[in-house]
Amino acid sequence: MTIGDHTETVQIDYDPRHISYDDLLAVFWNSHDPSGRAWSRQYMNAIFFHDERQRQTALASKETQARTGGQAVHTEVLPVRSFTLAEDYHQKYLLKRRTNLMRELSRLYPEHTDFVNSTAVARINGYVGGYGSKAQLLREIDMLGLSPAARKTLLDLVGERSPQ
């Protein structure tokens, strides 16, 4: 693969009993500037759909964005052709720099695939990266499977950046 024939993206696995595709699209539209033109295919703004229902929903949301945003929308709506995970050194990059948390997570997830695919690890990586408040972390910390020491480390780290 050459650098120009792929697009860096995320794939989201979700449970429609807990969040709808429409809600995910709302997060997407609120998370980027759809009026910006990408300077390369690698960094283009796009929604990739898996079926006709997702295609129609994504196109309708794009039309709504264009109508209410007051600017041209350059985000593309395209079919998924394939998805390739990023190289290992990109996986949970920020978390990997926290050796104390990584030691524990390596024990919890000895298989690299389990580590990469873990929702708990993804959430911890997000907190390490500065996403999420201490109040949010307090609501969900019991579900992350951390020891008391790792919980304290994460709470201290998040507490440095956000008010209770």
N, C-alpha and C. Protein backbone atom coordinates (compact mmCIF):
# COMPACT_ATOMS: atom_id res chain seq x y z
N MET A 1 0.84 -1.17 0.00
CA MET A 1 0.00 0.00 0.00
C MET A 1 0.89 1.24 0.00
N THR A 2 0.62 2.14 -0.88
CA THR A 2 1.34 3.41 -0.87
C THR A 2 0.60 4.37 0.05
N ILE A 3 1.27 5.41 0.44
CA ILE A 3 0.70 6.34 1.41
C ILE A 3 -0.58 6.99 0.89
N GLY A 4 -0.76 7.13 -0.40
CA GLY A 4 -1.90 7.85 -0.93
C GLY A 4 -3.14 7.05 -1.20
N ASP A 5 -3.15 5.73 -1.00
CA ASP A 5 -4.33 4.96 -1.39
C ASP A 5 -5.17 4.50 -0.21
N HIS A 6 -5.04 5.17 0.92
CA HIS A 6 -5.86 4.82 2.07
C HIS A 6 -6.32 6.10 2.77
N THR A 7 -7.29 5.95 3.65
CA THR A 7 -7.78 7.06 4.45
C THR A 7 -7.69 6.67 5.91
N GLU A 8 -7.09 7.51 6.72
CA GLU A 8 -7.02 7.24 8.15
C GLU A 8 -8.40 7.49 8.75
N THR A 9 -8.91 6.50 9.44
CA THR A 9 -10.26 6.58 9.97
C THR A 9 -10.40 5.72 11.21
N VAL A 10 -11.55 5.74 11.79
CA VAL A 10 -11.87 4.85 12.89
C VAL A 10 -13.08 4.03 12.49
N GLN A 11 -13.13 2.83 13.02
CA GLN A 11 -14.31 1.99 12.84
C GLN A 11 -14.99 1.90 14.19
N ILE A 12 -16.28 2.14 14.21
CA ILE A 12 -17.02 2.14 15.47
C ILE A 12 -17.97 0.95 15.49
N ASP A 13 -17.78 0.10 16.47
CA ASP A 13 -18.73 -0.98 16.73
C ASP A 13 -19.65 -0.45 17.82
N TYR A 14 -20.96 -0.52 17.58
CA TYR A 14 -21.89 0.04 18.56
C TYR A 14 -23.10 -0.86 18.70
N ASP A 15 -23.78 -0.68 19.82
CA ASP A 15 -24.99 -1.43 20.11
C ASP A 15 -26.16 -0.48 19.92
N PRO A 16 -26.98 -0.69 18.89
CA PRO A 16 -28.09 0.23 18.62
C PRO A 16 -29.15 0.28 19.73
N ARG A 17 -29.06 -0.64 20.69
CA ARG A 17 -29.97 -0.55 21.85
C ARG A 17 -29.53 0.55 22.79
N HIS A 18 -28.26 1.00 22.65
CA HIS A 18 -27.72 2.02 23.55
C HIS A 18 -27.47 3.36 22.87
N ILE A 19 -27.18 3.33 21.59
CA ILE A 19 -26.96 4.57 20.83
C ILE A 19 -27.37 4.31 19.38
N SER A 20 -27.99 5.26 18.80
CA SER A 20 -28.47 5.09 17.42
C SER A 20 -27.42 5.55 16.41
N TYR A 21 -27.58 5.10 15.19
CA TYR A 21 -26.70 5.54 14.11
C TYR A 21 -26.84 7.06 13.93
N ASP A 22 -28.06 7.57 14.07
CA ASP A 22 -28.28 9.02 13.97
C ASP A 22 -27.49 9.77 15.05
N ASP A 23 -27.47 9.22 16.26
CA ASP A 23 -26.70 9.87 17.34
C ASP A 23 -25.20 9.85 17.04
N LEU A 24 -24.72 8.74 16.48
CA LEU A 24 -23.30 8.68 16.10
C LEU A 24 -22.99 9.70 15.02
N LEU A 25 -23.89 9.86 14.07
CA LEU A 25 -23.68 10.87 13.03
C LEU A 25 -23.67 12.27 13.62
N ALA A 26 -24.50 12.53 14.60
CA ALA A 26 -24.51 13.85 15.26
C ALA A 26 -23.15 14.12 15.92
N VAL A 27 -22.60 13.11 16.59
CA VAL A 27 -21.27 13.27 17.19
C VAL A 27 -20.25 13.56 16.10
N PHE A 28 -20.34 12.81 15.00
CA PHE A 28 -19.40 13.01 13.89
C PHE A 28 -19.47 14.45 13.38
N TRP A 29 -20.67 14.94 13.09
CA TRP A 29 -20.79 16.29 12.53
C TRP A 29 -20.32 17.35 13.51
N ASN A 30 -20.46 17.10 14.79
CA ASN A 30 -20.01 18.07 15.80
C ASN A 30 -18.53 17.96 16.11
N SER A 31 -17.85 16.98 15.51
CA SER A 31 -16.44 16.73 15.84
C SER A 31 -15.47 17.14 14.75
N HIS A 32 -15.95 17.69 13.67
CA HIS A 32 -15.03 18.11 12.61
C HIS A 32 -15.65 19.24 11.80
N ASP A 33 -14.84 19.88 10.99
CA ASP A 33 -15.29 20.97 10.12
C ASP A 33 -15.62 20.38 8.75
N PRO A 34 -16.90 20.17 8.44
CA PRO A 34 -17.26 19.55 7.17
C PRO A 34 -17.06 20.46 5.96
N SER A 35 -16.77 21.74 6.20
CA SER A 35 -16.56 22.64 5.07
C SER A 35 -15.13 22.60 4.56
N GLY A 36 -14.24 22.02 5.33
CA GLY A 36 -12.84 21.96 4.92
C GLY A 36 -12.60 20.92 3.84
N ARG A 37 -11.77 21.28 2.92
CA ARG A 37 -11.38 20.33 1.87
C ARG A 37 -10.10 19.62 2.30
N ALA A 38 -10.09 18.33 2.11
CA ALA A 38 -8.90 17.55 2.47
C ALA A 38 -7.80 17.81 1.44
N TRP A 39 -6.58 17.86 1.91
CA TRP A 39 -5.47 18.08 0.99
C TRP A 39 -4.95 16.76 0.45
N SER A 40 -5.45 15.63 0.99
CA SER A 40 -5.08 14.33 0.44
C SER A 40 -6.14 13.31 0.82
N ARG A 41 -6.17 12.23 0.09
CA ARG A 41 -7.11 11.15 0.38
C ARG A 41 -6.87 10.60 1.79
N GLN A 42 -5.65 10.60 2.22
CA GLN A 42 -5.31 10.06 3.53
C GLN A 42 -6.06 10.76 4.65
N TYR A 43 -6.34 12.05 4.50
CA TYR A 43 -6.95 12.83 5.57
C TYR A 43 -8.32 13.40 5.19
N MET A 44 -8.99 12.82 4.24
CA MET A 44 -10.29 13.35 3.84
C MET A 44 -11.35 13.12 4.91
N ASN A 45 -12.37 13.97 4.91
CA ASN A 45 -13.52 13.80 5.78
C ASN A 45 -14.49 12.86 5.09
N ALA A 46 -14.86 11.80 5.77
CA ALA A 46 -15.76 10.82 5.14
C ALA A 46 -16.55 10.06 6.17
N ILE A 47 -17.72 9.64 5.76
CA ILE A 47 -18.54 8.68 6.48
C ILE A 47 -18.58 7.45 5.60
N PHE A 48 -18.22 6.31 6.15
CA PHE A 48 -18.24 5.06 5.39
C PHE A 48 -19.44 4.24 5.86
N PHE A 49 -20.26 3.81 4.93
CA PHE A 49 -21.47 3.07 5.28
C PHE A 49 -21.33 1.59 4.93
N HIS A 50 -22.10 0.76 5.66
CA HIS A 50 -22.07 -0.69 5.47
C HIS A 50 -23.26 -1.22 4.68
N ASP A 51 -24.36 -0.47 4.67
CA ASP A 51 -25.56 -0.95 3.97
C ASP A 51 -26.37 0.24 3.45
N GLU A 52 -27.43 -0.06 2.75
CA GLU A 52 -28.24 0.99 2.12
C GLU A 52 -28.90 1.89 3.17
N ARG A 53 -29.33 1.33 4.27
CA ARG A 53 -29.95 2.14 5.32
C ARG A 53 -28.96 3.15 5.87
N GLN A 54 -27.73 2.71 6.14
CA GLN A 54 -26.71 3.64 6.63
C GLN A 54 -26.39 4.68 5.57
N ARG A 55 -26.33 4.28 4.31
CA ARG A 55 -26.05 5.24 3.24
C ARG A 55 -27.10 6.34 3.21
N GLN A 56 -28.37 5.94 3.22
CA GLN A 56 -29.46 6.92 3.17
C GLN A 56 -29.45 7.84 4.39
N THR A 57 -29.22 7.27 5.54
CA THR A 57 -29.18 8.06 6.78
C THR A 57 -28.01 9.04 6.76
N ALA A 58 -26.85 8.57 6.31
CA ALA A 58 -25.68 9.45 6.24
C ALA A 58 -25.89 10.58 5.23
N LEU A 59 -26.46 10.25 4.08
CA LEU A 59 -26.72 11.29 3.07
C LEU A 59 -27.73 12.32 3.59
N ALA A 60 -28.77 11.85 4.28
CA ALA A 60 -29.75 12.78 4.85
C ALA A 60 -29.10 13.69 5.89
N SER A 61 -28.21 13.12 6.71
CA SER A 61 -27.54 13.94 7.72
C SER A 61 -26.60 14.96 7.06
N LYS A 62 -25.98 14.56 5.95
CA LYS A 62 -25.11 15.48 5.22
C LYS A 62 -25.93 16.63 4.64
N GLU A 63 -27.10 16.33 4.09
CA GLU A 63 -27.97 17.37 3.56
C GLU A 63 -28.43 18.33 4.66
N THR A 64 -28.76 17.78 5.82
CA THR A 64 -29.16 18.62 6.95
C THR A 64 -28.00 19.52 7.38
N GLN A 65 -26.81 18.95 7.43
CA GLN A 65 -25.62 19.73 7.80
C GLN A 65 -25.40 20.87 6.82
N ALA A 66 -25.55 20.60 5.53
CA ALA A 66 -25.36 21.64 4.51
C ALA A 66 -26.41 22.74 4.65
N ARG A 67 -27.63 22.34 4.92
CA ARG A 67 -28.74 23.29 5.03
C ARG A 67 -28.60 24.15 6.28
N THR A 68 -28.24 23.55 7.40
CA THR A 68 -28.19 24.30 8.66
C THR A 68 -26.84 24.95 8.93
N GLY A 69 -25.78 24.43 8.30
CA GLY A 69 -24.44 24.95 8.55
C GLY A 69 -24.10 26.20 7.77
N GLY A 70 -24.81 26.45 6.69
CA GLY A 70 -24.57 27.65 5.91
C GLY A 70 -23.30 27.63 5.08
N GLN A 71 -22.66 26.47 4.96
CA GLN A 71 -21.43 26.34 4.17
C GLN A 71 -21.51 25.06 3.35
N ALA A 72 -20.71 25.02 2.31
CA ALA A 72 -20.62 23.80 1.52
C ALA A 72 -20.05 22.68 2.39
N VAL A 73 -20.56 21.47 2.22
CA VAL A 73 -20.09 20.31 2.97
C VAL A 73 -19.26 19.45 2.02
N HIS A 74 -18.00 19.26 2.36
CA HIS A 74 -17.09 18.47 1.52
C HIS A 74 -16.86 17.06 2.06
N THR A 75 -17.56 16.71 3.10
CA THR A 75 -17.47 15.36 3.65
C THR A 75 -18.09 14.39 2.68
N GLU A 76 -17.38 13.31 2.39
CA GLU A 76 -17.89 12.31 1.46
C GLU A 76 -18.63 11.20 2.19
N VAL A 77 -19.59 10.59 1.50
CA VAL A 77 -20.30 9.42 2.00
C VAL A 77 -19.97 8.29 1.04
N LEU A 78 -19.24 7.28 1.56
CA LEU A 78 -18.68 6.23 0.71
C LEU A 78 -18.92 4.85 1.29
N PRO A 79 -18.97 3.83 0.45
CA PRO A 79 -19.10 2.47 0.97
C PRO A 79 -17.80 1.99 1.61
N VAL A 80 -17.93 1.18 2.64
CA VAL A 80 -16.76 0.55 3.24
C VAL A 80 -16.26 -0.49 2.25
N ARG A 81 -14.99 -0.45 1.94
CA ARG A 81 -14.40 -1.49 1.09
C ARG A 81 -13.61 -2.47 1.94
N SER A 82 -12.85 -1.93 2.88
CA SER A 82 -12.09 -2.76 3.80
C SER A 82 -11.67 -1.87 4.96
N PHE A 83 -11.24 -2.50 6.03
CA PHE A 83 -10.74 -1.77 7.17
C PHE A 83 -9.51 -2.51 7.67
N THR A 84 -8.42 -1.78 7.84
CA THR A 84 -7.18 -2.35 8.32
C THR A 84 -6.78 -1.61 9.59
N LEU A 85 -6.52 -2.36 10.64
CA LEU A 85 -6.06 -1.72 11.87
C LEU A 85 -4.74 -1.00 11.63
N ALA A 86 -4.55 0.07 12.36
CA ALA A 86 -3.27 0.78 12.30
C ALA A 86 -2.16 -0.13 12.84
N GLU A 87 -0.95 0.21 12.52
CA GLU A 87 0.20 -0.56 12.99
C GLU A 87 0.21 -0.56 14.52
N ASP A 88 0.84 -1.57 15.09
CA ASP A 88 0.87 -1.72 16.55
C ASP A 88 1.35 -0.47 17.27
N TYR A 89 2.35 0.21 16.71
CA TYR A 89 2.89 1.37 17.42
C TYR A 89 1.90 2.52 17.49
N HIS A 90 0.84 2.49 16.68
CA HIS A 90 -0.21 3.50 16.75
C HIS A 90 -1.30 3.13 17.76
N GLN A 91 -1.42 1.86 18.10
CA GLN A 91 -2.51 1.40 18.96
C GLN A 91 -2.32 1.87 20.39
N LYS A 92 -3.31 2.61 20.90
CA LYS A 92 -3.31 3.09 22.29
C LYS A 92 -2.00 3.81 22.61
N TYR A 93 -1.59 4.64 21.69
CA TYR A 93 -0.30 5.33 21.74
C TYR A 93 -0.09 6.09 23.06
N LEU A 94 -1.07 6.88 23.45
CA LEU A 94 -0.91 7.70 24.66
C LEU A 94 -0.83 6.83 25.90
N LEU A 95 -1.64 5.80 25.95
CA LEU A 95 -1.63 4.90 27.09
C LEU A 95 -0.30 4.17 27.22
N LYS A 96 0.29 3.79 26.10
CA LYS A 96 1.56 3.05 26.13
C LYS A 96 2.68 3.85 26.80
N ARG A 97 2.52 5.15 26.89
CA ARG A 97 3.53 5.98 27.52
C ARG A 97 3.39 6.00 29.04
N ARG A 98 2.34 5.39 29.57
CA ARG A 98 2.08 5.31 31.02
C ARG A 98 2.42 3.89 31.47
N THR A 99 3.69 3.67 31.79
CA THR A 99 4.17 2.32 32.06
C THR A 99 3.46 1.66 33.25
N ASN A 100 3.10 2.44 34.25
CA ASN A 100 2.43 1.84 35.40
C ASN A 100 1.05 1.29 35.01
N LEU A 101 0.31 2.01 34.21
CA LEU A 101 -0.98 1.51 33.74
C LEU A 101 -0.79 0.36 32.75
N MET A 102 0.23 0.46 31.91
CA MET A 102 0.47 -0.59 30.92
C MET A 102 0.85 -1.92 31.57
N ARG A 103 1.60 -1.88 32.64
CA ARG A 103 1.95 -3.13 33.34
C ARG A 103 0.68 -3.86 33.77
N GLU A 104 -0.23 -3.12 34.35
CA GLU A 104 -1.48 -3.74 34.80
C GLU A 104 -2.32 -4.22 33.63
N LEU A 105 -2.46 -3.39 32.63
CA LEU A 105 -3.30 -3.78 31.48
C LEU A 105 -2.69 -4.96 30.72
N SER A 106 -1.38 -5.06 30.72
CA SER A 106 -0.73 -6.20 30.08
C SER A 106 -1.05 -7.50 30.81
N ARG A 107 -1.23 -7.40 32.11
CA ARG A 107 -1.64 -8.58 32.88
C ARG A 107 -3.10 -8.91 32.60
N LEU A 108 -3.94 -7.89 32.52
CA LEU A 108 -5.37 -8.12 32.25
C LEU A 108 -5.61 -8.60 30.83
N TYR A 109 -4.80 -8.11 29.89
CA TYR A 109 -4.95 -8.43 28.47
C TYR A 109 -3.62 -8.93 27.93
N PRO A 110 -3.24 -10.17 28.24
CA PRO A 110 -1.93 -10.67 27.78
C PRO A 110 -1.84 -10.83 26.26
N GLU A 111 -2.97 -11.03 25.62
CA GLU A 111 -2.98 -11.12 24.15
C GLU A 111 -3.14 -9.73 23.56
N HIS A 112 -2.25 -9.36 22.65
CA HIS A 112 -2.28 -8.02 22.05
C HIS A 112 -3.63 -7.71 21.40
N THR A 113 -4.22 -8.69 20.74
CA THR A 113 -5.51 -8.49 20.08
C THR A 113 -6.58 -8.12 21.11
N ASP A 114 -6.58 -8.78 22.26
CA ASP A 114 -7.55 -8.46 23.30
C ASP A 114 -7.32 -7.04 23.84
N PHE A 115 -6.07 -6.66 23.99
CA PHE A 115 -5.72 -5.31 24.43
C PHE A 115 -6.25 -4.27 23.44
N VAL A 116 -5.97 -4.47 22.16
CA VAL A 116 -6.39 -3.52 21.13
C VAL A 116 -7.90 -3.43 21.04
N ASN A 117 -8.59 -4.55 21.19
CA ASN A 117 -10.05 -4.58 21.01
C ASN A 117 -10.84 -4.26 22.27
N SER A 118 -10.18 -4.09 23.40
CA SER A 118 -10.88 -3.85 24.64
C SER A 118 -11.50 -2.45 24.70
N THR A 119 -12.78 -2.42 25.00
CA THR A 119 -13.47 -1.14 25.19
C THR A 119 -12.91 -0.43 26.42
N ALA A 120 -12.63 -1.19 27.48
CA ALA A 120 -12.08 -0.58 28.69
C ALA A 120 -10.74 0.08 28.41
N VAL A 121 -9.88 -0.59 27.66
CA VAL A 121 -8.58 -0.02 27.31
C VAL A 121 -8.76 1.24 26.46
N ALA A 122 -9.69 1.20 25.53
CA ALA A 122 -9.95 2.38 24.70
C ALA A 122 -10.39 3.56 25.56
N ARG A 123 -11.24 3.29 26.54
CA ARG A 123 -11.71 4.37 27.41
C ARG A 123 -10.56 4.91 28.26
N ILE A 124 -9.75 4.02 28.80
CA ILE A 124 -8.60 4.46 29.60
C ILE A 124 -7.65 5.29 28.75
N ASN A 125 -7.40 4.85 27.53
CA ASN A 125 -6.56 5.61 26.60
C ASN A 125 -7.13 7.01 26.38
N GLY A 126 -8.44 7.10 26.24
CA GLY A 126 -9.08 8.40 26.08
C GLY A 126 -8.87 9.30 27.27
N TYR A 127 -9.04 8.75 28.46
CA TYR A 127 -8.80 9.55 29.67
C TYR A 127 -7.35 10.00 29.75
N VAL A 128 -6.43 9.10 29.44
CA VAL A 128 -5.00 9.46 29.45
C VAL A 128 -4.75 10.59 28.45
N GLY A 129 -5.46 10.57 27.34
CA GLY A 129 -5.29 11.60 26.31
C GLY A 129 -5.99 12.91 26.61
N GLY A 130 -6.67 12.98 27.74
CA GLY A 130 -7.31 14.24 28.11
C GLY A 130 -8.77 14.34 27.74
N TYR A 131 -9.38 13.23 27.35
CA TYR A 131 -10.79 13.23 26.98
C TYR A 131 -11.61 12.65 28.12
N GLY A 132 -12.63 13.35 28.52
CA GLY A 132 -13.47 12.91 29.62
C GLY A 132 -13.11 13.63 30.90
N SER A 133 -14.11 13.88 31.70
CA SER A 133 -13.92 14.60 32.96
C SER A 133 -13.71 13.62 34.12
N LYS A 134 -13.28 14.17 35.24
CA LYS A 134 -13.11 13.34 36.44
C LYS A 134 -14.48 12.82 36.89
N ALA A 135 -15.52 13.64 36.78
CA ALA A 135 -16.86 13.19 37.16
C ALA A 135 -17.30 12.01 36.29
N GLN A 136 -17.02 12.08 35.01
CA GLN A 136 -17.36 10.97 34.12
C GLN A 136 -16.57 9.72 34.49
N LEU A 137 -15.29 9.87 34.76
CA LEU A 137 -14.46 8.74 35.15
C LEU A 137 -14.97 8.12 36.45
N LEU A 138 -15.35 8.94 37.40
CA LEU A 138 -15.87 8.41 38.67
C LEU A 138 -17.13 7.57 38.45
N ARG A 139 -17.96 7.96 37.48
CA ARG A 139 -19.17 7.19 37.18
C ARG A 139 -18.87 5.82 36.59
N GLU A 140 -17.75 5.69 35.88
CA GLU A 140 -17.51 4.42 35.18
C GLU A 140 -16.26 3.66 35.61
N ILE A 141 -15.53 4.17 36.56
CA ILE A 141 -14.25 3.54 36.91
C ILE A 141 -14.42 2.10 37.40
N ASP A 142 -15.53 1.79 38.05
CA ASP A 142 -15.75 0.43 38.54
C ASP A 142 -15.87 -0.58 37.39
N MET A 143 -16.20 -0.12 36.21
CA MET A 143 -16.37 -1.02 35.05
C MET A 143 -15.08 -1.25 34.28
N LEU A 144 -13.99 -0.60 34.66
CA LEU A 144 -12.75 -0.69 33.90
C LEU A 144 -11.84 -1.83 34.34
N GLY A 145 -12.13 -2.45 35.47
CA GLY A 145 -11.36 -3.61 35.91
C GLY A 145 -9.99 -3.32 36.48
N LEU A 146 -9.79 -2.10 36.96
CA LEU A 146 -8.47 -1.70 37.45
C LEU A 146 -8.29 -2.00 38.93
N SER A 147 -7.05 -2.22 39.32
CA SER A 147 -6.70 -2.40 40.73
C SER A 147 -6.82 -1.05 41.43
N PRO A 148 -6.85 -1.06 42.76
CA PRO A 148 -6.89 0.23 43.49
C PRO A 148 -5.73 1.16 43.11
N ALA A 149 -4.54 0.62 42.93
CA ALA A 149 -3.39 1.48 42.58
C ALA A 149 -3.57 2.10 41.19
N ALA A 150 -4.02 1.31 40.23
CA ALA A 150 -4.21 1.84 38.88
C ALA A 150 -5.37 2.83 38.84
N ARG A 151 -6.41 2.56 39.62
CA ARG A 151 -7.54 3.50 39.72
C ARG A 151 -7.03 4.85 40.23
N LYS A 152 -6.21 4.82 41.27
CA LYS A 152 -5.68 6.06 41.83
C LYS A 152 -4.83 6.80 40.80
N THR A 153 -3.99 6.06 40.09
CA THR A 153 -3.14 6.67 39.06
C THR A 153 -4.01 7.39 38.03
N LEU A 154 -5.04 6.70 37.53
CA LEU A 154 -5.89 7.29 36.51
C LEU A 154 -6.69 8.47 37.06
N LEU A 155 -7.23 8.32 38.25
CA LEU A 155 -7.98 9.42 38.87
C LEU A 155 -7.09 10.64 39.10
N ASP A 156 -5.87 10.41 39.56
CA ASP A 156 -4.92 11.52 39.75
C ASP A 156 -4.60 12.20 38.44
N LEU A 157 -4.40 11.41 37.40
CA LEU A 157 -4.05 11.96 36.09
C LEU A 157 -5.20 12.81 35.55
N VAL A 158 -6.40 12.29 35.61
CA VAL A 158 -7.56 13.03 35.11
C VAL A 158 -7.85 14.23 36.00
N GLY A 159 -7.66 14.07 37.31
CA GLY A 159 -7.91 15.16 38.25
C GLY A 159 -7.00 16.36 38.04
N GLU A 160 -5.81 16.13 37.48
CA GLU A 160 -4.89 17.22 37.19
C GLU A 160 -5.43 18.14 36.11
N ARG A 161 -6.31 17.60 35.26
CA ARG A 161 -6.77 18.36 34.09
C ARG A 161 -8.20 18.86 34.18
N SER A 162 -9.00 18.28 35.07
CA SER A 162 -10.41 18.68 35.07
C SER A 162 -10.94 18.84 36.48
N PRO A 163 -11.89 19.75 36.66
CA PRO A 163 -12.50 19.92 37.98
C PRO A 163 -13.44 18.75 38.29
N GLN A 164 -13.69 18.51 39.56
CA GLN A 164 -14.60 17.44 40.01
C GLN A 164 -15.92 17.72 39.48
